[in-house]
Amino acid sequence: MAIYIMLSTLTGEGAETIRERPERILEVNREVEAMGVKVLAQYAVLGPYDFVNVVEAPDNETVARVSVELAARGSVKIMTLPAIPIEEFIRRVKG
């Protein structure tokens, strides 16, 4: 399984939903997990993004599908980044 960082920015519609029903965040997490992506960690943050999610997925295609599905709702914009565990990165750099 691969690790990904998902950086999310709420649209106006998304912010309104969260203001009225903050538990919607947990509902979306369950929907994401039903699509085959496990939420490992989630943080609300300040700055250009509203949330940082660390997720695990079997492959790029699965996490891309989740990104598209969520973005298509119009409540959030997502940037997804593949993450390499540092031990793996060091091993690959060493060759």
PDB file of N, CA and C in Angstrom:
ATOM      1  N   MET A   1       0.852  -1.181   0.000  1.00  0.00           N
ATOM      2  CA  MET A   1       0.000   0.000   0.000  1.00  0.00           C
ATOM      3  C   MET A   1       0.896   1.241   0.000  1.00  0.00           C
ATOM      4  N   ALA A   2       0.462   2.244  -0.701  1.00  0.00           N
ATOM      5  CA  ALA A   2       1.213   3.486  -0.814  1.00  0.00           C
ATOM      6  C   ALA A   2       0.587   4.563   0.075  1.00  0.00           C
ATOM      7  N   ILE A   3       1.425   5.508   0.481  1.00  0.00           N
ATOM      8  CA  ILE A   3       0.990   6.628   1.329  1.00  0.00           C
ATOM      9  C   ILE A   3       0.875   7.877   0.459  1.00  0.00           C
ATOM     10  N   TYR A   4      -0.158   8.660   0.714  1.00  0.00           N
ATOM     11  CA  TYR A   4      -0.392   9.912  -0.008  1.00  0.00           C
ATOM     12  C   TYR A   4      -0.760  11.003   0.982  1.00  0.00           C
ATOM     13  N   ILE A   5      -0.395  12.216   0.630  1.00  0.00           N
ATOM     14  CA  ILE A   5      -0.808  13.402   1.380  1.00  0.00           C
ATOM     15  C   ILE A   5      -1.863  14.092   0.526  1.00  0.00           C
ATOM     16  N   MET A   6      -3.014  14.348   1.111  1.00  0.00           N
ATOM     17  CA  MET A   6      -4.075  15.063   0.408  1.00  0.00           C
ATOM     18  C   MET A   6      -4.255  16.415   1.090  1.00  0.00           C
ATOM     19  N   LEU A   7      -3.997  17.474   0.340  1.00  0.00           N
ATOM     20  CA  LEU A   7      -4.169  18.835   0.839  1.00  0.00           C
ATOM     21  C   LEU A   7      -5.499  19.346   0.308  1.00  0.00           C
ATOM     22  N   SER A   8      -6.386  19.758   1.216  1.00  0.00           N
ATOM     23  CA  SER A   8      -7.739  20.143   0.822  1.00  0.00           C
ATOM     24  C   SER A   8      -8.025  21.594   1.154  1.00  0.00           C
ATOM     25  N   THR A   9      -8.711  22.260   0.235  1.00  0.00           N
ATOM     26  CA  THR A   9      -9.191  23.629   0.436  1.00  0.00           C
ATOM     27  C   THR A   9     -10.693  23.622   0.211  1.00  0.00           C
ATOM     28  N   LEU A  10     -11.432  24.095   1.196  1.00  0.00           N
ATOM     29  CA  LEU A  10     -12.887  24.147   1.070  1.00  0.00           C
ATOM     30  C   LEU A  10     -13.315  25.261   0.129  1.00  0.00           C
ATOM     31  N   THR A  11     -14.351  25.008  -0.647  1.00  0.00           N
ATOM     32  CA  THR A  11     -14.991  26.071  -1.415  1.00  0.00           C
ATOM     33  C   THR A  11     -15.968  26.772  -0.468  1.00  0.00           C
ATOM     34  N   GLY A  12     -16.603  27.816  -0.929  1.00  0.00           N
ATOM     35  CA  GLY A  12     -17.609  28.487  -0.103  1.00  0.00           C
ATOM     36  C   GLY A  12     -18.706  27.533   0.329  1.00  0.00           C
ATOM     37  N   GLU A  13     -19.149  26.709  -0.605  1.00  0.00           N
ATOM     38  CA  GLU A  13     -20.186  25.717  -0.308  1.00  0.00           C
ATOM     39  C   GLU A  13     -19.705  24.712   0.741  1.00  0.00           C
ATOM     40  N   GLY A  14     -18.463  24.258   0.606  1.00  0.00           N
ATOM     41  CA  GLY A  14     -17.897  23.311   1.561  1.00  0.00           C
ATOM     42  C   GLY A  14     -17.761  23.908   2.953  1.00  0.00           C
ATOM     43  N   ALA A  15     -17.329  25.162   3.020  1.00  0.00           N
ATOM     44  CA  ALA A  15     -17.192  25.834   4.320  1.00  0.00           C
ATOM     45  C   ALA A  15     -18.549  25.974   5.000  1.00  0.00           C
ATOM     46  N   GLU A  16     -19.568  26.274   4.210  1.00  0.00           N
ATOM     47  CA  GLU A  16     -20.925  26.392   4.763  1.00  0.00           C
ATOM     48  C   GLU A  16     -21.395  25.049   5.332  1.00  0.00           C
ATOM     49  N   THR A  17     -21.134  23.987   4.599  1.00  0.00           N
ATOM     50  CA  THR A  17     -21.504  22.645   5.070  1.00  0.00           C
ATOM     51  C   THR A  17     -20.811  22.317   6.383  1.00  0.00           C
ATOM     52  N   ILE A  18     -19.518  22.597   6.465  1.00  0.00           N
ATOM     53  CA  ILE A  18     -18.749  22.290   7.682  1.00  0.00           C
ATOM     54  C   ILE A  18     -19.220  23.157   8.843  1.00  0.00           C
ATOM     55  N   ARG A  19     -19.546  24.402   8.573  1.00  0.00           N
ATOM     56  CA  ARG A  19     -20.034  25.280   9.641  1.00  0.00           C
ATOM     57  C   ARG A  19     -21.346  24.743  10.212  1.00  0.00           C
ATOM     58  N   GLU A  20     -22.229  24.299   9.315  1.00  0.00           N
ATOM     59  CA  GLU A  20     -23.533  23.805   9.751  1.00  0.00           C
ATOM     60  C   GLU A  20     -23.472  22.387  10.316  1.00  0.00           C
ATOM     61  N   ARG A  21     -22.574  21.561   9.740  1.00  0.00           N
ATOM     62  CA  ARG A  21     -22.497  20.154  10.150  1.00  0.00           C
ATOM     63  C   ARG A  21     -21.058  19.674  10.150  1.00  0.00           C
ATOM     64  N   PRO A  22     -20.277  20.040  11.154  1.00  0.00           N
ATOM     65  CA  PRO A  22     -18.862  19.647  11.155  1.00  0.00           C
ATOM     66  C   PRO A  22     -18.640  18.133  11.133  1.00  0.00           C
ATOM     67  N   GLU A  23     -19.611  17.372  11.615  1.00  0.00           N
ATOM     68  CA  GLU A  23     -19.471  15.912  11.591  1.00  0.00           C
ATOM     69  C   GLU A  23     -19.462  15.362  10.166  1.00  0.00           C
ATOM     70  N   ARG A  24     -19.789  16.178   9.187  1.00  0.00           N
ATOM     71  CA  ARG A  24     -19.739  15.766   7.775  1.00  0.00           C
ATOM     72  C   ARG A  24     -18.343  15.288   7.405  1.00  0.00           C
ATOM     73  N   ILE A  25     -17.334  15.862   8.060  1.00  0.00           N
ATOM     74  CA  ILE A  25     -15.948  15.453   7.795  1.00  0.00           C
ATOM     75  C   ILE A  25     -15.789  13.956   8.035  1.00  0.00           C
ATOM     76  N   LEU A  26     -16.326  13.456   9.128  1.00  0.00           N
ATOM     77  CA  LEU A  26     -16.208  12.032   9.452  1.00  0.00           C
ATOM     78  C   LEU A  26     -17.025  11.172   8.492  1.00  0.00           C
ATOM     79  N   GLU A  27     -18.159  11.688   8.030  1.00  0.00           N
ATOM     80  CA  GLU A  27     -18.957  10.972   7.040  1.00  0.00           C
ATOM     81  C   GLU A  27     -18.164  10.820   5.741  1.00  0.00           C
ATOM     82  N   VAL A  28     -17.493  11.882   5.323  1.00  0.00           N
ATOM     83  CA  VAL A  28     -16.686  11.825   4.099  1.00  0.00           C
ATOM     84  C   VAL A  28     -15.546  10.826   4.275  1.00  0.00           C
ATOM     85  N   ASN A  29     -14.935  10.788   5.454  1.00  0.00           N
ATOM     86  CA  ASN A  29     -13.869   9.811   5.700  1.00  0.00           C
ATOM     87  C   ASN A  29     -14.379   8.389   5.476  1.00  0.00           C
ATOM     88  N   ARG A  30     -15.585   8.095   5.945  1.00  0.00           N
ATOM     89  CA  ARG A  30     -16.165   6.758   5.745  1.00  0.00           C
ATOM     90  C   ARG A  30     -16.411   6.492   4.255  1.00  0.00           C
ATOM     91  N   GLU A  31     -16.856   7.520   3.523  1.00  0.00           N
ATOM     92  CA  GLU A  31     -17.069   7.373   2.085  1.00  0.00           C
ATOM     93  C   GLU A  31     -15.749   7.092   1.362  1.00  0.00           C
ATOM     94  N   VAL A  32     -14.702   7.792   1.773  1.00  0.00           N
ATOM     95  CA  VAL A  32     -13.368   7.588   1.197  1.00  0.00           C
ATOM     96  C   VAL A  32     -12.899   6.163   1.466  1.00  0.00           C
ATOM     97  N   GLU A  33     -13.102   5.686   2.673  1.00  0.00           N
ATOM     98  CA  GLU A  33     -12.678   4.328   3.015  1.00  0.00           C
ATOM     99  C   GLU A  33     -13.466   3.290   2.216  1.00  0.00           C
ATOM    100  N   ALA A  34     -14.735   3.573   1.931  1.00  0.00           N
ATOM    101  CA  ALA A  34     -15.540   2.664   1.115  1.00  0.00           C
ATOM    102  C   ALA A  34     -15.019   2.592  -0.319  1.00  0.00           C
ATOM    103  N   MET A  35     -14.282   3.628  -0.754  1.00  0.00           N
ATOM    104  CA  MET A  35     -13.686   3.640  -2.096  1.00  0.00           C
ATOM    105  C   MET A  35     -12.302   2.995  -2.108  1.00  0.00           C
ATOM    106  N   GLY A  36     -11.866   2.450  -0.969  1.00  0.00           N
ATOM    107  CA  GLY A  36     -10.600   1.718  -0.928  1.00  0.00           C
ATOM    108  C   GLY A  36      -9.405   2.491  -0.444  1.00  0.00           C
ATOM    109  N   VAL A  37      -9.617   3.675   0.147  1.00  0.00           N
ATOM    110  CA  VAL A  37      -8.517   4.495   0.657  1.00  0.00           C
ATOM    111  C   VAL A  37      -8.689   4.647   2.164  1.00  0.00           C
ATOM    112  N   LYS A  38      -7.660   4.301   2.922  1.00  0.00           N
ATOM    113  CA  LYS A  38      -7.720   4.375   4.383  1.00  0.00           C
ATOM    114  C   LYS A  38      -7.168   5.716   4.870  1.00  0.00           C
ATOM    115  N   VAL A  39      -7.927   6.398   5.696  1.00  0.00           N
ATOM    116  CA  VAL A  39      -7.469   7.663   6.295  1.00  0.00           C
ATOM    117  C   VAL A  39      -6.612   7.310   7.507  1.00  0.00           C
ATOM    118  N   LEU A  40      -5.337   7.640   7.449  1.00  0.00           N
ATOM    119  CA  LEU A  40      -4.410   7.346   8.547  1.00  0.00           C
ATOM    120  C   LEU A  40      -4.344   8.475   9.563  1.00  0.00           C
ATOM    121  N   ALA A  41      -4.406   9.697   9.075  1.00  0.00           N
ATOM    122  CA  ALA A  41      -4.359  10.878   9.949  1.00  0.00           C
ATOM    123  C   ALA A  41      -5.024  12.032   9.230  1.00  0.00           C
ATOM    124  N   GLN A  42      -5.597  12.942  10.017  1.00  0.00           N
ATOM    125  CA  GLN A  42      -6.279  14.089   9.428  1.00  0.00           C
ATOM    126  C   GLN A  42      -6.116  15.283  10.358  1.00  0.00           C
ATOM    127  N   TYR A  43      -5.803  16.429   9.766  1.00  0.00           N
ATOM    128  CA  TYR A  43      -5.587  17.647  10.549  1.00  0.00           C
ATOM    129  C   TYR A  43      -6.279  18.829   9.890  1.00  0.00           C
ATOM    130  N   ALA A  44      -6.906  19.653  10.689  1.00  0.00           N
ATOM    131  CA  ALA A  44      -7.370  20.957  10.226  1.00  0.00           C
ATOM    132  C   ALA A  44      -6.176  21.893  10.399  1.00  0.00           C
ATOM    133  N   VAL A  45      -5.882  22.700   9.389  1.00  0.00           N
ATOM    134  CA  VAL A  45      -4.699  23.550   9.435  1.00  0.00           C
ATOM    135  C   VAL A  45      -5.050  24.980   9.042  1.00  0.00           C
ATOM    136  N   LEU A  46      -4.162  25.882   9.390  1.00  0.00           N
ATOM    137  CA  LEU A  46      -4.292  27.284   8.995  1.00  0.00           C
ATOM    138  C   LEU A  46      -3.352  27.529   7.828  1.00  0.00           C
ATOM    139  N   GLY A  47      -3.697  28.452   6.975  1.00  0.00           N
ATOM    140  CA  GLY A  47      -2.844  28.756   5.820  1.00  0.00           C
ATOM    141  C   GLY A  47      -3.601  28.524   4.531  1.00  0.00           C
ATOM    142  N   PRO A  48      -2.889  28.217   3.451  1.00  0.00           N
ATOM    143  CA  PRO A  48      -3.545  28.095   2.147  1.00  0.00           C
ATOM    144  C   PRO A  48      -4.431  26.849   2.032  1.00  0.00           C
ATOM    145  N   TYR A  49      -4.267  25.868   2.909  1.00  0.00           N
ATOM    146  CA  TYR A  49      -5.093  24.659   2.901  1.00  0.00           C
ATOM    147  C   TYR A  49      -5.893  24.611   4.189  1.00  0.00           C
ATOM    148  N   ASP A  50      -7.034  23.947   4.137  1.00  0.00           N
ATOM    149  CA  ASP A  50      -7.892  23.805   5.314  1.00  0.00           C
ATOM    150  C   ASP A  50      -7.665  22.487   6.043  1.00  0.00           C
ATOM    151  N   PHE A  51      -7.295  21.443   5.283  1.00  0.00           N
ATOM    152  CA  PHE A  51      -7.072  20.126   5.885  1.00  0.00           C
ATOM    153  C   PHE A  51      -5.865  19.456   5.252  1.00  0.00           C
ATOM    154  N   VAL A  52      -5.164  18.679   6.066  1.00  0.00           N
ATOM    155  CA  VAL A  52      -4.092  17.805   5.592  1.00  0.00           C
ATOM    156  C   VAL A  52      -4.506  16.395   5.993  1.00  0.00           C
ATOM    157  N   ASN A  53      -4.570  15.522   5.012  1.00  0.00           N
ATOM    158  CA  ASN A  53      -4.930  14.132   5.255  1.00  0.00           C
ATOM    159  C   ASN A  53      -3.792  13.234   4.827  1.00  0.00           C
ATOM    160  N   VAL A  54      -3.468  12.274   5.659  1.00  0.00           N
ATOM    161  CA  VAL A  54      -2.499  11.244   5.307  1.00  0.00           C
ATOM    162  C   VAL A  54      -3.333   9.994   5.066  1.00  0.00           C
ATOM    163  N   VAL A  55      -3.236   9.462   3.844  1.00  0.00           N
ATOM    164  CA  VAL A  55      -4.057   8.312   3.481  1.00  0.00           C
ATOM    165  C   VAL A  55      -3.192   7.200   2.900  1.00  0.00           C
ATOM    166  N   GLU A  56      -3.760   6.017   2.889  1.00  0.00           N
ATOM    167  CA  GLU A  56      -3.091   4.852   2.325  1.00  0.00           C
ATOM    168  C   GLU A  56      -3.996   4.268   1.248  1.00  0.00           C
ATOM    169  N   ALA A  57      -3.425   3.981   0.093  1.00  0.00           N
ATOM    170  CA  ALA A  57      -4.195   3.437  -1.023  1.00  0.00           C
ATOM    171  C   ALA A  57      -3.378   2.363  -1.728  1.00  0.00           C
ATOM    172  N   PRO A  58      -4.045   1.448  -2.393  1.00  0.00           N
ATOM    173  CA  PRO A  58      -3.308   0.383  -3.074  1.00  0.00           C
ATOM    174  C   PRO A  58      -2.505   0.861  -4.279  1.00  0.00           C
ATOM    175  N   ASP A  59      -2.943   1.979  -4.891  1.00  0.00           N
ATOM    176  CA  ASP A  59      -2.237   2.448  -6.087  1.00  0.00           C
ATOM    177  C   ASP A  59      -2.658   3.880  -6.426  1.00  0.00           C
ATOM    178  N   ASN A  60      -1.942   4.472  -7.378  1.00  0.00           N
ATOM    179  CA  ASN A  60      -2.224   5.848  -7.806  1.00  0.00           C
ATOM    180  C   ASN A  60      -3.641   5.993  -8.357  1.00  0.00           C
ATOM    181  N   GLU A  61      -4.091   5.000  -9.092  1.00  0.00           N
ATOM    182  CA  GLU A  61      -5.406   5.088  -9.716  1.00  0.00           C
ATOM    183  C   GLU A  61      -6.526   5.177  -8.679  1.00  0.00           C
ATOM    184  N   THR A  62      -6.399   4.440  -7.594  1.00  0.00           N
ATOM    185  CA  THR A  62      -7.425   4.460  -6.549  1.00  0.00           C
ATOM    186  C   THR A  62      -7.479   5.809  -5.866  1.00  0.00           C
ATOM    187  N   VAL A  63      -6.335   6.352  -5.508  1.00  0.00           N
ATOM    188  CA  VAL A  63      -6.331   7.647  -4.833  1.00  0.00           C
ATOM    189  C   VAL A  63      -6.741   8.755  -5.802  1.00  0.00           C
ATOM    190  N   ALA A  64      -6.417   8.615  -7.066  1.00  0.00           N
ATOM    191  CA  ALA A  64      -6.847   9.599  -8.066  1.00  0.00           C
ATOM    192  C   ALA A  64      -8.366   9.585  -8.197  1.00  0.00           C
ATOM    193  N   ARG A  65      -8.949   8.409  -8.178  1.00  0.00           N
ATOM    194  CA  ARG A  65     -10.417   8.293  -8.250  1.00  0.00           C
ATOM    195  C   ARG A  65     -11.069   9.006  -7.068  1.00  0.00           C
ATOM    196  N   VAL A  66     -10.524   8.812  -5.874  1.00  0.00           N
ATOM    197  CA  VAL A  66     -11.067   9.483  -4.692  1.00  0.00           C
ATOM    198  C   VAL A  66     -10.948  10.996  -4.849  1.00  0.00           C
ATOM    199  N   SER A  67      -9.812  11.471  -5.303  1.00  0.00           N
ATOM    200  CA  SER A  67      -9.616  12.908  -5.499  1.00  0.00           C
ATOM    201  C   SER A  67     -10.643  13.479  -6.462  1.00  0.00           C
ATOM    202  N   VAL A  68     -10.869  12.789  -7.560  1.00  0.00           N
ATOM    203  CA  VAL A  68     -11.827  13.254  -8.563  1.00  0.00           C
ATOM    204  C   VAL A  68     -13.244  13.217  -7.999  1.00  0.00           C
ATOM    205  N   GLU A  69     -13.591  12.132  -7.339  1.00  0.00           N
ATOM    206  CA  GLU A  69     -14.940  11.999  -6.759  1.00  0.00           C
ATOM    207  C   GLU A  69     -15.230  13.134  -5.776  1.00  0.00           C
ATOM    208  N   LEU A  70     -14.277  13.415  -4.888  1.00  0.00           N
ATOM    209  CA  LEU A  70     -14.493  14.468  -3.894  1.00  0.00           C
ATOM    210  C   LEU A  70     -14.545  15.848  -4.551  1.00  0.00           C
ATOM    211  N   ALA A  71     -13.637  16.111  -5.470  1.00  0.00           N
ATOM    212  CA  ALA A  71     -13.598  17.418  -6.127  1.00  0.00           C
ATOM    213  C   ALA A  71     -14.853  17.652  -6.964  1.00  0.00           C
ATOM    214  N   ALA A  72     -15.404  16.595  -7.551  1.00  0.00           N
ATOM    215  CA  ALA A  72     -16.592  16.728  -8.397  1.00  0.00           C
ATOM    216  C   ALA A  72     -17.814  17.195  -7.606  1.00  0.00           C
ATOM    217  N   ARG A  73     -17.788  17.066  -6.320  1.00  0.00           N
ATOM    218  CA  ARG A  73     -18.913  17.495  -5.488  1.00  0.00           C
ATOM    219  C   ARG A  73     -19.003  19.016  -5.388  1.00  0.00           C
ATOM    220  N   GLY A  74     -17.894  19.686  -5.671  1.00  0.00           N
ATOM    221  CA  GLY A  74     -17.893  21.140  -5.647  1.00  0.00           C
ATOM    222  C   GLY A  74     -17.686  21.772  -4.286  1.00  0.00           C
ATOM    223  N   SER A  75     -17.401  20.963  -3.277  1.00  0.00           N
ATOM    224  CA  SER A  75     -17.235  21.505  -1.927  1.00  0.00           C
ATOM    225  C   SER A  75     -15.779  21.608  -1.493  1.00  0.00           C
ATOM    226  N   VAL A  76     -14.887  21.039  -2.290  1.00  0.00           N
ATOM    227  CA  VAL A  76     -13.479  21.010  -1.902  1.00  0.00           C
ATOM    228  C   VAL A  76     -12.597  20.939  -3.149  1.00  0.00           C
ATOM    229  N   LYS A  77     -11.412  21.519  -3.039  1.00  0.00           N
ATOM    230  CA  LYS A  77     -10.377  21.385  -4.058  1.00  0.00           C
ATOM    231  C   LYS A  77      -9.245  20.605  -3.402  1.00  0.00           C
ATOM    232  N   ILE A  78      -8.686  19.662  -4.119  1.00  0.00           N
ATOM    233  CA  ILE A  78      -7.709  18.747  -3.525  1.00  0.00           C
ATOM    234  C   ILE A  78      -6.426  18.702  -4.338  1.00  0.00           C
ATOM    235  N   MET A  79      -5.300  18.680  -3.623  1.00  0.00           N
ATOM    236  CA  MET A  79      -4.000  18.394  -4.226  1.00  0.00           C
ATOM    237  C   MET A  79      -3.502  17.121  -3.542  1.00  0.00           C
ATOM    238  N   THR A  80      -3.191  16.114  -4.339  1.00  0.00           N
ATOM    239  CA  THR A  80      -2.743  14.836  -3.793  1.00  0.00           C
ATOM    240  C   THR A  80      -1.278  14.623  -4.151  1.00  0.00           C
ATOM    241  N   LEU A  81      -0.502  14.254  -3.147  1.00  0.00           N
ATOM    242  CA  LEU A  81       0.936  14.051  -3.326  1.00  0.00           C
ATOM    243  C   LEU A  81       1.325  12.646  -2.869  1.00  0.00           C
ATOM    244  N   PRO A  82       2.056  11.895  -3.684  1.00  0.00           N
ATOM    245  CA  PRO A  82       2.561  10.614  -3.207  1.00  0.00           C
ATOM    246  C   PRO A  82       3.658  10.877  -2.175  1.00  0.00           C
ATOM    247  N   ALA A  83       3.682  10.061  -1.134  1.00  0.00           N
ATOM    248  CA  ALA A  83       4.679  10.232  -0.073  1.00  0.00           C
ATOM    249  C   ALA A  83       5.539   8.972   0.029  1.00  0.00           C
ATOM    250  N   ILE A  84       6.824   9.172   0.187  1.00  0.00           N
ATOM    251  CA  ILE A  84       7.760   8.055   0.306  1.00  0.00           C
ATOM    252  C   ILE A  84       8.261   8.024   1.747  1.00  0.00           C
ATOM    253  N   PRO A  85       8.052   6.914   2.457  1.00  0.00           N
ATOM    254  CA  PRO A  85       8.606   6.818   3.816  1.00  0.00           C
ATOM    255  C   PRO A  85      10.112   7.070   3.767  1.00  0.00           C
ATOM    256  N   ILE A  86      10.612   7.781   4.734  1.00  0.00           N
ATOM    257  CA  ILE A  86      12.012   8.226   4.698  1.00  0.00           C
ATOM    258  C   ILE A  86      12.994   7.057   4.642  1.00  0.00           C
ATOM    259  N   GLU A  87      12.679   5.956   5.305  1.00  0.00           N
ATOM    260  CA  GLU A  87      13.569   4.783   5.254  1.00  0.00           C
ATOM    261  C   GLU A  87      13.668   4.249   3.826  1.00  0.00           C
ATOM    262  N   GLU A  88      12.529   4.212   3.141  1.00  0.00           N
ATOM    263  CA  GLU A  88      12.505   3.768   1.743  1.00  0.00           C
ATOM    264  C   GLU A  88      13.273   4.741   0.856  1.00  0.00           C
ATOM    265  N   PHE A  89      13.081   6.037   1.096  1.00  0.00           N
ATOM    266  CA  PHE A  89      13.789   7.056   0.327  1.00  0.00           C
ATOM    267  C   PHE A  89      15.303   6.888   0.471  1.00  0.00           C
ATOM    268  N   ILE A  90      15.780   6.724   1.693  1.00  0.00           N
ATOM    269  CA  ILE A  90      17.216   6.560   1.938  1.00  0.00           C
ATOM    270  C   ILE A  90      17.736   5.303   1.244  1.00  0.00           C
ATOM    271  N   ARG A  91      16.990   4.207   1.356  1.00  0.00           N
ATOM    272  CA  ARG A  91      17.411   2.958   0.726  1.00  0.00           C
ATOM    273  C   ARG A  91      17.514   3.130  -0.796  1.00  0.00           C
ATOM    274  N   ARG A  92      16.560   3.815  -1.395  1.00  0.00           N
ATOM    275  CA  ARG A  92      16.576   4.002  -2.852  1.00  0.00           C
ATOM    276  C   ARG A  92      17.703   4.956  -3.285  1.00  0.00           C
ATOM    277  N   VAL A  93      17.972   5.976  -2.479  1.00  0.00           N
ATOM    278  CA  VAL A  93      19.047   6.911  -2.816  1.00  0.00           C
ATOM    279  C   VAL A  93      20.398   6.196  -2.758  1.00  0.00           C
ATOM    280  N   LYS A  94      20.554   5.313  -1.783  1.00  0.00           N
ATOM    281  CA  LYS A  94      21.799   4.565  -1.666  1.00  0.00           C
ATOM    282  C   LYS A  94      21.978   3.579  -2.815  1.00  0.00           C
ATOM    283  N   GLY A  95      20.866   3.186  -3.432  1.00  0.00           N
ATOM    284  CA  GLY A  95      20.941   2.258  -4.568  1.00  0.00           C
ATOM    285  C   GLY A  95      21.005   0.869  -4.098  1.00  0.00           C
TER     286      GLY A  95
END
